[in-house]
C-alpha atoms as a PDB file:
ATOM      1  CA  MET A   1      -0.024   0.298  -0.034  1.00  0.00           C
ATOM      2  CA  ALA A   2       1.136   3.365  -1.020  1.00  0.00           C
ATOM      3  CA  GLY A   3       2.634   5.709   1.814  1.00  0.00           C
ATOM      4  CA  SER A   4       1.903   2.986   4.520  1.00  0.00           C
ATOM      5  CA  SER A   5       5.253   2.656   6.615  1.00  0.00           C
ATOM      6  CA  LYS A   6       6.239   0.362   9.726  1.00  0.00           C
ATOM      7  CA  ARG A   7       6.011   1.477  13.213  1.00  0.00           C
ATOM      8  CA  PRO A   8       8.617  -0.552  14.917  1.00  0.00           C
ATOM      9  CA  LEU A   9       7.518  -1.282  18.773  1.00  0.00           C
ATOM     10  CA  LEU A  10      10.494  -2.185  21.469  1.00  0.00           C
ATOM     11  CA  SER A  11       8.574  -3.190  25.278  1.00  0.00           C
ATOM     12  CA  TRP A  12      10.523  -4.075  28.290  1.00  0.00           C
ATOM     13  CA  GLN A  13       9.524  -4.967  31.643  1.00  0.00           C
ATOM     14  CA  PRO A  14      11.390  -4.364  34.656  1.00  0.00           C
ATOM     15  CA  ILE A  15      10.547  -7.217  36.836  1.00  0.00           C
ATOM     16  CA  PHE A  16      13.124  -6.502  39.662  1.00  0.00           C
ATOM     17  CA  ALA A  17      14.834  -3.446  41.241  1.00  0.00           C
ATOM     18  CA  ASP A  18      17.323  -2.883  43.764  1.00  0.00           C
ATOM     19  CA  LEU A  19      18.663   0.560  45.950  1.00  0.00           C
ATOM     20  CA  SER A  20      21.475   1.307  48.189  1.00  0.00           C
ATOM     21  CA  GLU A  21      20.853   1.923  51.377  1.00  0.00           C
ATOM     22  CA  ASP A  22      21.005   5.968  50.805  1.00  0.00           C
ATOM     23  CA  ALA A  23      18.755   5.588  47.958  1.00  0.00           C
ATOM     24  CA  ASP A  24      20.720   7.755  45.006  1.00  0.00           C
ATOM     25  CA  LEU A  25      21.702   4.444  42.886  1.00  0.00           C
ATOM     26  CA  GLY A  26      20.084   1.585  41.929  1.00  0.00           C
ATOM     27  CA  TYR A  27      19.289  -0.592  38.769  1.00  0.00           C
ATOM     28  CA  THR A  28      16.647  -2.438  37.099  1.00  0.00           C
ATOM     29  CA  THR A  29      16.714  -5.937  35.097  1.00  0.00           C
ATOM     30  CA  GLY A  30      13.662  -7.614  33.032  1.00  0.00           C
ATOM     31  CA  PRO A  31      13.208  -9.027  29.590  1.00  0.00           C
ATOM     32  CA  TRP A  32      12.424  -6.795  26.395  1.00  0.00           C
ATOM     33  CA  GLU A  33      11.130  -8.006  23.133  1.00  0.00           C
ATOM     34  CA  TYR A  34      10.325  -6.145  19.747  1.00  0.00           C
ATOM     35  CA  ARG A  35       7.972  -6.474  17.078  1.00  0.00           C
ATOM     36  CA  ALA A  36       8.754  -4.973  13.356  1.00  0.00           C
ATOM     37  CA  ASP A  37       5.628  -3.698  13.412  1.00  0.00           C
ATOM     38  CA  VAL A  38       3.054  -1.831  16.417  1.00  0.00           C
ATOM     39  CA  ASN A  39       0.349  -3.586  15.206  1.00  0.00           C
ATOM     40  CA  ASP A  40       1.929  -7.266  14.747  1.00  0.00           C
ATOM     41  CA  LYS A  41       0.387  -9.831  16.789  1.00  0.00           C
ATOM     42  CA  GLU A  42       4.194 -11.843  17.295  1.00  0.00           C
ATOM     43  CA  PRO A  43       7.480 -10.238  18.466  1.00  0.00           C
ATOM     44  CA  VAL A  44      10.485 -11.189  16.427  1.00  0.00           C
ATOM     45  CA  ALA A  45      13.415 -10.836  19.093  1.00  0.00           C
ATOM     46  CA  PHE A  46      13.837 -11.199  22.979  1.00  0.00           C
ATOM     47  CA  GLY A  47      16.181 -10.118  25.243  1.00  0.00           C
ATOM     48  CA  ASN A  48      16.829  -8.929  28.895  1.00  0.00           C
ATOM     49  CA  PHE A  49      18.371  -5.641  29.617  1.00  0.00           C
ATOM     50  CA  VAL A  50      19.956  -4.324  32.736  1.00  0.00           C
ATOM     51  CA  THR A  51      19.954  -0.453  33.392  1.00  0.00           C
ATOM     52  CA  VAL A  52      21.330   1.591  36.230  1.00  0.00           C
ATOM     53  CA  TRP A  53      19.781   4.331  38.041  1.00  0.00           C
ATOM     54  CA  LYS A  54      21.351   7.454  39.678  1.00  0.00           C
ATOM     55  CA  ARG A  55      19.148   9.964  42.150  1.00  0.00           C
ATOM     56  CA  GLN A  56      19.745  13.464  40.143  1.00  0.00           C
ATOM     57  CA  PRO A  57      20.070  17.032  42.954  1.00  0.00           C
ATOM     58  CA  ASP A  58      16.457  17.682  42.117  1.00  0.00           C
ATOM     59  CA  GLY A  59      15.381  14.066  43.494  1.00  0.00           C
ATOM     60  CA  SER A  60      14.603  12.877  40.179  1.00  0.00           C
ATOM     61  CA  TRP A  61      16.223   9.347  38.797  1.00  0.00           C
ATOM     62  CA  LYS A  62      18.161   9.113  35.079  1.00  0.00           C
ATOM     63  CA  PHE A  63      19.722   6.416  33.733  1.00  0.00           C
ATOM     64  CA  VAL A  64      23.460   6.330  33.117  1.00  0.00           C
ATOM     65  CA  ILE A  65      23.834   3.187  31.679  1.00  0.00           C
ATOM     66  CA  ASP A  66      21.688   0.473  29.579  1.00  0.00           C
ATOM     67  CA  LEU A  67      22.976  -2.846  28.678  1.00  0.00           C
ATOM     68  CA  GLY A  68      21.342  -5.647  27.408  1.00  0.00           C
ATOM     69  CA  ILE A  69      21.377  -9.495  25.653  1.00  0.00           C
ATOM     70  CA  SER A  70      19.443 -11.504  23.144  1.00  0.00           C
ATOM     71  CA  ASN A  71      18.122 -14.413  23.783  1.00  0.00           C
ATOM     72  CA  PRO A  72      15.821 -17.079  22.528  1.00  0.00           C
ATOM     73  CA  ARG A  73      11.863 -16.850  22.780  1.00  0.00           C
ATOM     74  CA  PRO A  74      10.889 -17.668  26.528  1.00  0.00           C
ATOM     75  CA  ASN A  75       8.926 -20.623  26.438  1.00  0.00           C
ATOM     76  CA  ALA A  76       6.799 -19.135  29.879  1.00  0.00           C
ATOM     77  CA  ALA A  77       6.418 -15.903  31.474  1.00  0.00           C
ATOM     78  CA  ILE A  78       9.494 -14.741  33.377  1.00  0.00           C
ATOM     79  CA  GLU A  79       9.074 -14.627  37.415  1.00  0.00           C
ATOM     80  CA  CYS A  80      10.137 -11.670  39.450  1.00  0.00           C
ATOM     81  CA  TRP A  81      13.475 -12.217  41.100  1.00  0.00           C
ATOM     82  CA  GLN A  82      12.922 -11.812  44.803  1.00  0.00           C
ATOM     83  CA  PRO A  83      16.894 -11.791  46.721  1.00  0.00           C
ATOM     84  CA  ALA A  84      17.438 -11.919  50.452  1.00  0.00           C
ATOM     85  CA  TYR A  85      15.741  -9.303  52.495  1.00  0.00           C
ATOM     86  CA  ARG A  86      17.852  -6.779  53.720  1.00  0.00           C
ATOM     87  CA  ALA A  87      16.796  -4.157  56.470  1.00  0.00           C
ATOM     88  CA  ALA A  88      18.109  -0.719  56.268  1.00  0.00           C
ATOM     89  CA  ASN A  89      19.772   0.647  58.909  1.00  0.00           C
ATOM     90  CA  LYS A  90      17.598   3.727  59.130  1.00  0.00           C
ATOM     91  CA  ASN A  91      20.045   5.411  62.104  1.00  0.00           C
ATOM     92  CA  SER A  92      22.917   5.527  59.799  1.00  0.00           C
ATOM     93  CA  LYS A  93      24.044   8.852  58.666  1.00  0.00           C
ATOM     94  CA  THR A  94      27.395   8.120  57.529  1.00  0.00           C
ATOM     95  CA  LYS A  95      28.687   9.276  54.197  1.00  0.00           C
ATOM     96  CA  THR A  96      31.604   7.478  52.605  1.00  0.00           C
ATOM     97  CA  ASP A  97      34.480   9.758  50.300  1.00  0.00           C
ATOM     98  CA  LEU A  98      32.893   9.008  47.138  1.00  0.00           C
ATOM     99  CA  ASN A  99      36.712   9.145  45.593  1.00  0.00           C
ATOM    100  CA  VAL A 100      38.044   6.421  47.601  1.00  0.00           C
ATOM    101  CA  GLN A 101      35.022   4.405  47.204  1.00  0.00           C
ATOM    102  CA  ARG A 102      35.335   4.554  43.608  1.00  0.00           C
ATOM    103  CA  ALA A 103      39.000   3.740  43.728  1.00  0.00           C
ATOM    104  CA  THR A 104      38.153   0.799  45.874  1.00  0.00           C
ATOM    105  CA  LEU A 105      35.525  -1.036  43.835  1.00  0.00           C
ATOM    106  CA  LEU A 106      37.749  -0.270  40.646  1.00  0.00           C
ATOM    107  CA  ALA A 107      40.796  -1.844  42.333  1.00  0.00           C
ATOM    108  CA  ARG A 108      38.401  -4.734  43.085  1.00  0.00           C
ATOM    109  CA  GLU A 109      37.622  -5.400  39.452  1.00  0.00           C
ATOM    110  CA  GLN A 110      41.177  -5.130  38.354  1.00  0.00           C
ATOM    111  CA  GLU A 111      41.903  -7.873  41.118  1.00  0.00           C
ATOM    112  CA  LEU A 112      39.010 -10.346  39.149  1.00  0.00           C
ATOM    113  CA  SER A 113      40.464  -8.891  35.857  1.00  0.00           C
ATOM    114  CA  ASN A 114      44.127 -10.315  36.705  1.00  0.00           C
ATOM    115  CA  ALA A 115      42.538 -13.233  38.205  1.00  0.00           C
ATOM    116  CA  SER A 116      40.867 -13.933  35.340  1.00  0.00           C
ATOM    117  CA  LEU A 117      43.690 -14.057  33.234  1.00  0.00           C
ATOM    118  CA  LYS A 118      45.679 -16.536  35.640  1.00  0.00           C
ATOM    119  CA  GLN A 119      43.320 -18.922  36.752  1.00  0.00           C
ATOM    120  CA  GLY A 120      40.421 -19.030  34.338  1.00  0.00           C
ATOM    121  CA  PHE A 121      37.362 -16.962  34.362  1.00  0.00           C
ATOM    122  CA  ALA A 122      35.299 -19.787  35.734  1.00  0.00           C
ATOM    123  CA  ASN A 123      37.335 -19.901  38.646  1.00  0.00           C
ATOM    124  CA  ALA A 124      37.731 -16.586  39.372  1.00  0.00           C
ATOM    125  CA  PHE A 125      34.549 -15.478  38.843  1.00  0.00           C
ATOM    126  CA  ASN A 126      33.136 -17.636  41.756  1.00  0.00           C
ATOM    127  CA  LEU A 127      35.248 -16.189  44.244  1.00  0.00           C
ATOM    128  CA  TYR A 128      34.013 -12.719  43.933  1.00  0.00           C
ATOM    129  CA  THR A 129      30.058 -13.307  43.555  1.00  0.00           C
ATOM    130  CA  GLY A 130      27.233 -13.359  45.743  1.00  0.00           C
ATOM    131  CA  SER A 131      25.135 -16.429  46.370  1.00  0.00           C
ATOM    132  CA  ALA A 132      22.106 -14.776  44.170  1.00  0.00           C
ATOM    133  CA  VAL A 133      24.528 -13.573  41.028  1.00  0.00           C
ATOM    134  CA  ARG A 134      23.109 -13.331  38.050  1.00  0.00           C
ATOM    135  CA  LEU A 135      24.816 -13.689  34.457  1.00  0.00           C
ATOM    136  CA  TYR A 136      23.982 -12.302  31.398  1.00  0.00           C
ATOM    137  CA  ARG A 137      25.759 -14.121  28.282  1.00  0.00           C
ATOM    138  CA  ASN A 138      24.343 -13.164  24.549  1.00  0.00           C
ATOM    139  CA  ASP A 139      21.775 -15.743  23.069  1.00  0.00           C
ATOM    140  CA  LYS A 140      21.331 -17.618  26.131  1.00  0.00           C
ATOM    141  CA  PHE A 141      18.872 -16.844  28.986  1.00  0.00           C
ATOM    142  CA  PRO A 142      19.819 -14.950  32.372  1.00  0.00           C
ATOM    143  CA  PHE A 143      22.030 -17.658  34.403  1.00  0.00           C
ATOM    144  CA  ILE A 144      20.674 -17.458  37.842  1.00  0.00           C
ATOM    145  CA  GLY A 145      23.013 -18.128  40.906  1.00  0.00           C
ATOM    146  CA  ARG A 146      25.976 -18.821  41.736  1.00  0.00           C
ATOM    147  CA  ASP A 147      25.953 -22.902  40.887  1.00  0.00           C
ATOM    148  CA  ALA A 148      24.238 -21.960  37.280  1.00  0.00           C
ATOM    149  CA  VAL A 149      26.566 -19.612  36.617  1.00  0.00           C
ATOM    150  CA  LYS A 150      29.801 -22.095  37.460  1.00  0.00           C
ATOM    151  CA  GLN A 151      28.242 -24.581  35.619  1.00  0.00           C
ATOM    152  CA  GLU A 152      28.095 -21.953  32.366  1.00  0.00           C
ATOM    153  CA  LEU A 153      31.162 -20.692  32.672  1.00  0.00           C
ATOM    154  CA  ALA A 154      33.018 -24.090  33.091  1.00  0.00           C
ATOM    155  CA  SER A 155      32.207 -24.786  29.483  1.00  0.00           C
ATOM    156  CA  GLY A 156      33.986 -21.909  28.328  1.00  0.00           C
ATOM    157  CA  LYS A 157      38.195 -22.302  27.964  1.00  0.00           C
ATOM    158  CA  ALA A 158      38.906 -19.307  26.268  1.00  0.00           C
ATOM    159  CA  ALA A 159      41.211 -16.062  27.844  1.00  0.00           C
ATOM    160  CA  ILE A 160      39.302 -13.184  28.614  1.00  0.00           C
ATOM    161  CA  SER A 161      40.643  -9.876  29.724  1.00  0.00           C
ATOM    162  CA  TRP A 162      38.265  -7.344  31.056  1.00  0.00           C
ATOM    163  CA  THR A 163      39.640  -3.200  30.986  1.00  0.00           C
ATOM    164  CA  PRO A 164      37.395  -1.338  33.289  1.00  0.00           C
ATOM    165  CA  ALA A 165      36.724   2.178  32.229  1.00  0.00           C
ATOM    166  CA  PHE A 166      34.425   3.387  35.071  1.00  0.00           C
ATOM    167  CA  ALA A 167      33.145   2.754  38.567  1.00  0.00           C
ATOM    168  CA  ASP A 168      30.589   4.314  40.744  1.00  0.00           C
ATOM    169  CA  VAL A 169      29.041   3.803  43.770  1.00  0.00           C
ATOM    170  CA  SER A 170      26.571   4.992  45.883  1.00  0.00           C
ATOM    171  CA  THR A 171      26.891   7.749  48.641  1.00  0.00           C
ATOM    172  CA  SER A 172      26.286   4.367  51.393  1.00  0.00           C
ATOM    173  CA  GLY A 173      29.029   2.785  49.950  1.00  0.00           C
ATOM    174  CA  ASP A 174      27.095  -0.603  49.589  1.00  0.00           C
ATOM    175  CA  LEU A 175      26.158  -0.758  45.716  1.00  0.00           C
ATOM    176  CA  GLY A 176      28.689   0.478  42.934  1.00  0.00           C
ATOM    177  CA  TYR A 177      28.787  -0.326  39.255  1.00  0.00           C
ATOM    178  CA  VAL A 178      31.749  -0.932  36.964  1.00  0.00           C
ATOM    179  CA  TYR A 179      31.570  -0.917  33.112  1.00  0.00           C
ATOM    180  CA  GLY A 180      34.410  -1.341  30.482  1.00  0.00           C
ATOM    181  CA  THR A 181      35.631  -3.419  27.266  1.00  0.00           C
ATOM    182  CA  TYR A 182      36.741  -7.220  27.103  1.00  0.00           C
ATOM    183  CA  GLU A 183      38.369  -9.483  24.697  1.00  0.00           C
ATOM    184  CA  VAL A 184      37.842 -13.107  24.131  1.00  0.00           C
ATOM    185  CA  SER A 185      41.442 -14.884  22.709  1.00  0.00           C
ATOM    186  CA  ASP A 186      42.460 -18.682  22.507  1.00  0.00           C
ATOM    187  CA  ASN A 187      45.348 -20.025  22.996  1.00  0.00           C
ATOM    188  CA  ALA A 188      47.199 -18.559  20.213  1.00  0.00           C
ATOM    189  CA  LYS A 189      46.136 -15.146  20.987  1.00  0.00           C
ATOM    190  CA  THR A 190      43.795 -14.666  18.375  1.00  0.00           C
ATOM    191  CA  ILE A 191      40.900 -12.272  19.334  1.00  0.00           C
ATOM    192  CA  SER A 192      37.624 -13.954  18.861  1.00  0.00           C
ATOM    193  CA  GLU A 193      35.105 -11.798  20.446  1.00  0.00           C
ATOM    194  CA  ARG A 194      35.150  -8.146  21.540  1.00  0.00           C
ATOM    195  CA  GLY A 195      32.259  -6.503  23.643  1.00  0.00           C
ATOM    196  CA  ASN A 196      31.315  -3.925  26.476  1.00  0.00           C
ATOM    197  CA  TYR A 197      30.257  -5.658  29.685  1.00  0.00           C
ATOM    198  CA  MET A 198      29.017  -4.216  33.215  1.00  0.00           C
ATOM    199  CA  ARG A 199      29.318  -5.680  36.395  1.00  0.00           C
ATOM    200  CA  ILE A 200      27.104  -4.502  39.353  1.00  0.00           C
ATOM    201  CA  TRP A 201      28.831  -4.920  42.767  1.00  0.00           C
ATOM    202  CA  LYS A 202      26.905  -5.126  46.447  1.00  0.00           C
ATOM    203  CA  ARG A 203      28.813  -5.432  49.631  1.00  0.00           C
ATOM    204  CA  GLU A 204      28.441  -8.540  51.456  1.00  0.00           C
ATOM    205  CA  ASN A 205      29.796  -8.733  55.101  1.00  0.00           C
ATOM    206  CA  SER A 206      32.289  -5.514  54.252  1.00  0.00           C
ATOM    207  CA  ASN A 207      33.691  -7.291  51.157  1.00  0.00           C
ATOM    208  CA  TRP A 208      32.456  -6.235  47.244  1.00  0.00           C
ATOM    209  CA  ARG A 209      30.460  -9.221  45.528  1.00  0.00           C
ATOM    210  CA  VAL A 210      29.295  -9.201  41.968  1.00  0.00           C
ATOM    211  CA  VAL A 211      25.135  -9.383  41.943  1.00  0.00           C
ATOM    212  CA  LEU A 212      24.861  -8.930  38.073  1.00  0.00           C
ATOM    213  CA  ASP A 213      27.286  -9.526  35.132  1.00  0.00           C
ATOM    214  CA  VAL A 214      26.307  -8.519  31.524  1.00  0.00           C
ATOM    215  CA  ALA A 215      28.563  -8.933  28.370  1.00  0.00           C
ATOM    216  CA  ASN A 216      27.441  -7.555  25.044  1.00  0.00           C
ATOM    217  CA  PRO A 217      29.683  -8.273  22.065  1.00  0.00           C
ATOM    218  CA  VAL A 218      30.343  -5.831  19.001  1.00  0.00           C
ATOM    219  CA  PRO A 219      29.502  -7.229  16.146  1.00  0.00           C
ATOM    220  CA  PRO A 220      33.109  -8.205  13.898  1.00  0.00           C
ATOM    221  CA  GLN A 221      34.196  -5.691  11.508  1.00  0.00           C
ATOM    222  CA  LYS A 222      33.349  -6.713   7.882  1.00  0.00           C
ATOM    223  CA  LYS A 223      36.206  -7.156   5.762  1.00  0.00           C
ATOM    224  CA  SER A 224      36.748  -5.509   2.782  1.00  0.00           C
END
């Protein structure tokens, strides 16, 4: 029909949100789906997203980073994620030194990156994760929990190097995130994949632990 045009539709649904103790940094995650046209009955692509939000001086929330993956069509509705309950410390008025906390978190991230190259990402990652960790990898459904994550990573034998570029933390110093780039290489040091990654870290018993890890590969450049 002359003059007609499609109107693509991307829709998403957050199934979980978590906040720092001071409620100034948080993140949401959940499934997304894409329709080639708003009137199409069935979506043609599916995935999961992760969005980090930061409270602004005027009290509004704005997202600071958004990353996601594609995955197969779900067979059923995705259940809401309910982590272990953590009571807020309403009497705490202590504000952390943000520069120190950012540096501490980046140092922790660099420790993980170095350990990944020395002993393999699967072994290293397991030492830095919380019990409710979630792993997002392209073309696969999210892996939930330390056991599922460990099993998935055990199948990967390639070396992975992680280069953190930026980190930020909440004023209460209990929630933070790091993003950067990564490279996957084989034994011959030939790079097979490059991409962007983000990790969300949370303090558990005074230690930074990964609660969510998402990696998104960049499409390989076409040879001319």
